[in-house]
Amino acid sequence: MKTKITYSTNELENAIDYLEKAAFFFNESNDKHRFKWLMISLHGALYSFGICNIKGTNPIGRIFKTIKKKELDRIIERVKRNYTDFIYGDQSDESFLQYGTFMSGKILDINSVLSRCESDAYMMQFTHSKTLKIGTEQRLAIDKLISYRNDFAHFKPMAYGITGNYENDIVLPVLKVIEFLALETNNILYPQVDSCERVKHAIKHFSLN
């Protein structure tokens, strides 16, 4: 008998999961692939909490890349083939463009997301909202994180080795940005009390004992 897979998540749970995994691998010193998984999960947490901050009530115009007319036409044709009972309106209508943008599934890259997190136009959604300000040290750490994560996510045939104090140079500066995005911008509404507590708990697990 085959085991059925049941899985559910959302953008906030995805962000929290990445942060918890980053905290786990930060402390898992005996895992020889610790650095790889730490970079991947920390990148995922930073990116995901950025998305949670700027998505607003209509994420299509805020986190998705704008698609071109040719791509929209291809998406529409694919939907027509798969859903023969779909009701079509005016394909020049804005709602149709939004539908095509969503179906394309192309979300902004992490640098674009963070740039919007530094913009009042995207961040000042509520009276008590705060906009992210990335310092020079944090920017350098983020750039290194993105570079390492991309190397691991798109690994080419090669020998790979690193040295250095990546905990102080990358992890802790990036963690400060994640902490601000997760707990201080006032743009993330935690529907469950334990969700916010999980974030705080994970952040406390990043320590240099």
Protein backbone atom coordinates (compact mmCIF):
# COMPACT_ATOMS: atom_id res chain seq x y z
CA MET A 1 0.00 0.00 0.00
CA LYS A 2 1.43 3.34 -1.05
CA THR A 3 1.64 6.08 1.54
CA LYS A 4 -0.38 9.14 0.65
CA ILE A 5 1.43 12.47 0.90
CA THR A 6 -0.48 15.26 2.58
CA TYR A 7 1.23 18.63 2.67
CA SER A 8 0.02 22.17 3.10
CA THR A 9 1.83 25.47 3.53
CA ASN A 10 1.63 29.18 2.69
CA GLU A 11 4.07 32.04 2.21
CA LEU A 12 4.39 32.79 5.93
CA GLU A 13 4.78 29.16 6.99
CA ASN A 14 7.36 28.80 4.21
CA ALA A 15 9.36 31.72 5.62
CA ILE A 16 9.21 30.41 9.18
CA ASP A 17 10.24 26.91 8.07
CA TYR A 18 13.29 28.30 6.26
CA LEU A 19 14.27 30.29 9.35
CA GLU A 20 13.89 27.26 11.62
CA LYS A 21 16.00 25.16 9.25
CA ALA A 22 18.67 27.88 9.16
CA ALA A 23 18.77 27.92 12.97
CA PHE A 24 19.06 24.13 12.99
CA PHE A 25 22.00 24.03 10.59
CA PHE A 26 23.67 26.98 12.31
CA ASN A 27 23.97 24.78 15.39
CA GLU A 28 24.52 21.46 13.60
CA SER A 29 28.33 21.64 13.66
CA ASN A 30 28.82 17.91 12.99
CA ASP A 31 27.07 17.96 9.60
CA LYS A 32 29.75 18.18 6.91
CA HIS A 33 27.27 19.92 4.58
CA ARG A 34 26.22 22.38 7.26
CA PHE A 35 27.45 25.45 5.36
CA LYS A 36 25.56 24.55 2.19
CA TRP A 37 22.22 24.03 3.93
CA LEU A 38 22.75 27.08 6.13
CA MET A 39 23.25 29.31 3.09
CA ILE A 40 20.25 27.81 1.27
CA SER A 41 17.87 28.04 4.23
CA LEU A 42 19.05 31.50 5.34
CA HIS A 43 18.57 32.77 1.78
CA GLY A 44 15.10 31.21 1.73
CA ALA A 45 14.18 32.91 5.00
CA LEU A 46 15.41 36.32 3.86
CA TYR A 47 13.64 36.05 0.50
CA SER A 48 10.41 34.67 1.95
CA PHE A 49 10.05 37.25 4.73
CA GLY A 50 10.72 39.92 2.10
CA ILE A 51 7.86 38.53 0.02
CA CYS A 52 5.57 38.46 3.07
CA ASN A 53 6.30 42.15 3.68
CA ILE A 54 5.59 43.56 0.24
CA LYS A 55 2.83 41.26 -1.07
CA GLY A 56 -0.03 43.36 0.35
CA THR A 57 -3.62 42.34 -0.36
CA ASN A 58 -3.07 41.92 -4.11
CA PRO A 59 0.37 40.35 -4.65
CA ILE A 60 0.11 40.18 -8.44
CA GLY A 61 1.29 43.76 -8.98
CA ARG A 62 3.77 43.65 -6.13
CA ILE A 63 5.82 40.43 -6.23
CA PHE A 64 5.32 39.03 -9.74
CA LYS A 65 7.35 39.98 -12.77
CA THR A 66 5.40 41.76 -15.50
CA ILE A 67 4.85 39.45 -18.46
CA LYS A 68 4.92 40.35 -22.14
CA LYS A 69 1.98 40.02 -24.50
CA LYS A 70 3.42 36.96 -26.29
CA GLU A 71 3.89 35.14 -23.02
CA LEU A 72 0.36 36.02 -21.93
CA ASP A 73 -0.97 34.60 -25.21
CA ARG A 74 0.92 31.33 -24.62
CA ILE A 75 -0.50 31.06 -21.10
CA ILE A 76 -4.03 31.65 -22.36
CA GLU A 77 -3.65 28.97 -25.03
CA ARG A 78 -2.34 26.50 -22.46
CA VAL A 79 -5.30 27.18 -20.18
CA LYS A 80 -7.72 26.74 -23.10
CA ARG A 81 -6.24 23.31 -23.84
CA ASN A 82 -6.42 22.14 -20.24
CA TYR A 83 -9.70 23.77 -19.18
CA THR A 84 -12.22 23.55 -22.01
CA ASP A 85 -15.04 24.96 -19.88
CA PHE A 86 -13.12 28.12 -18.96
CA ILE A 87 -15.10 31.30 -19.63
CA TYR A 88 -13.09 33.93 -21.48
CA GLY A 89 -13.73 37.63 -21.48
CA ASP A 90 -11.87 40.45 -23.16
CA GLN A 91 -8.23 39.39 -23.25
CA SER A 92 -7.14 43.03 -23.21
CA ASP A 93 -8.88 43.47 -19.84
CA GLU A 94 -6.60 44.23 -16.86
CA SER A 95 -7.99 41.27 -14.91
CA PHE A 96 -6.91 38.95 -17.71
CA LEU A 97 -3.39 40.34 -17.59
CA GLN A 98 -3.33 39.81 -13.83
CA TYR A 99 -4.53 36.24 -14.31
CA GLY A 100 -1.78 35.59 -16.86
CA THR A 101 0.82 37.17 -14.59
CA PHE A 102 -0.23 34.87 -11.74
CA MET A 103 -0.26 31.78 -13.98
CA SER A 104 3.25 32.57 -15.24
CA GLY A 105 4.47 32.15 -11.66
CA LYS A 106 7.54 34.34 -12.18
CA ILE A 107 8.28 36.10 -8.92
CA LEU A 108 10.78 38.92 -8.53
CA ASP A 109 14.36 37.96 -7.72
CA ILE A 110 15.65 38.46 -4.18
CA ASN A 111 17.45 41.74 -4.91
CA SER A 112 14.30 43.23 -6.41
CA VAL A 113 12.26 42.06 -3.42
CA LEU A 114 14.72 43.60 -0.96
CA SER A 115 14.79 46.82 -2.99
CA ARG A 116 11.01 47.05 -2.60
CA CYS A 117 11.39 46.34 1.12
CA GLU A 118 13.49 49.53 1.22
CA SER A 119 10.73 51.51 -0.51
CA ASP A 120 7.99 53.36 1.38
CA ALA A 121 5.71 52.79 -1.61
CA TYR A 122 5.65 49.06 -0.88
CA MET A 123 6.28 48.95 2.86
CA MET A 124 4.09 51.71 4.35
CA GLN A 125 0.88 49.70 4.27
CA PHE A 126 -0.32 50.46 7.79
CA THR A 127 -0.03 53.34 10.26
CA HIS A 128 2.76 51.64 12.18
CA SER A 129 4.59 50.11 9.22
CA LYS A 130 8.36 50.51 8.98
CA THR A 131 10.63 50.46 5.94
CA LEU A 132 13.79 48.38 5.79
CA LYS A 133 17.17 50.12 5.71
CA ILE A 134 20.07 47.88 4.73
CA GLY A 135 23.46 49.00 6.05
CA THR A 136 26.78 48.56 4.24
CA GLU A 137 27.82 45.55 6.33
CA GLN A 138 24.46 43.91 5.82
CA ARG A 139 24.55 44.54 2.08
CA LEU A 140 27.95 42.88 1.78
CA ALA A 141 26.70 39.93 3.82
CA ILE A 142 23.57 39.60 1.66
CA ASP A 143 25.64 39.70 -1.54
CA LYS A 144 27.88 36.91 -0.22
CA LEU A 145 24.85 34.89 0.88
CA ILE A 146 23.21 35.17 -2.53
CA SER A 147 26.44 34.18 -4.27
CA TYR A 148 26.95 31.09 -2.11
CA ARG A 149 23.31 30.06 -2.33
CA ASN A 150 23.33 30.35 -6.12
CA ASP A 151 26.50 28.26 -6.30
CA PHE A 152 24.85 25.49 -4.30
CA ALA A 153 21.43 25.70 -5.97
CA HIS A 154 23.02 25.55 -9.46
CA PHE A 155 26.07 23.45 -8.65
CA LYS A 156 28.52 22.98 -11.50
CA PRO A 157 30.97 20.06 -11.68
CA MET A 158 33.84 21.36 -9.55
CA ALA A 159 35.68 21.05 -6.27
CA TYR A 160 34.40 23.57 -3.73
CA GLY A 161 35.91 24.83 -0.49
CA ILE A 162 35.65 27.92 1.71
CA THR A 163 37.43 29.36 4.72
CA GLY A 164 36.67 32.34 6.91
CA ASN A 165 34.41 33.51 9.69
CA TYR A 166 31.14 33.24 7.76
CA GLU A 167 29.09 33.30 10.96
CA ASN A 168 30.09 36.89 11.75
CA ASP A 169 30.57 37.97 8.13
CA ILE A 170 27.34 36.57 6.68
CA VAL A 171 24.94 34.88 9.09
CA LEU A 172 24.55 37.43 11.87
CA PRO A 173 24.28 40.56 9.64
CA VAL A 174 21.70 38.78 7.46
CA LEU A 175 19.84 37.57 10.54
CA LYS A 176 19.41 41.19 11.67
CA VAL A 177 17.67 41.96 8.38
CA ILE A 178 15.46 38.89 8.70
CA GLU A 179 14.59 39.80 12.29
CA PHE A 180 13.54 43.30 11.21
CA LEU A 181 11.44 41.97 8.33
CA ALA A 182 9.83 39.28 10.48
CA LEU A 183 9.13 41.17 13.69
CA GLU A 184 9.59 44.92 13.34
CA THR A 185 8.02 46.17 10.10
CA ASN A 186 4.46 45.55 11.36
CA ASN A 187 3.51 44.34 7.88
CA ILE A 188 3.27 40.66 8.78
CA LEU A 189 0.11 39.61 10.55
CA TYR A 190 0.59 36.37 12.44
CA PRO A 191 -2.78 34.58 12.43
CA GLN A 192 -1.56 32.17 15.09
CA VAL A 193 0.27 33.20 18.25
CA ASP A 194 2.64 30.26 18.06
CA SER A 195 3.79 31.35 14.56
CA CYS A 196 5.32 34.54 15.93
CA GLU A 197 6.79 32.62 18.88
CA ARG A 198 8.42 30.17 16.46
CA VAL A 199 10.15 33.08 14.75
CA LYS A 200 11.44 34.46 18.05
CA HIS A 201 12.53 31.01 19.18
CA ALA A 202 14.44 30.36 15.96
CA ILE A 203 16.23 33.72 16.13
CA LYS A 204 17.34 33.00 19.72
CA HIS A 205 19.00 29.81 18.48
CA PHE A 206 21.54 31.82 16.48
CA SER A 207 24.29 32.31 19.04
CA LEU A 208 28.09 32.16 18.97
CA ASN A 209 28.71 30.19 22.16
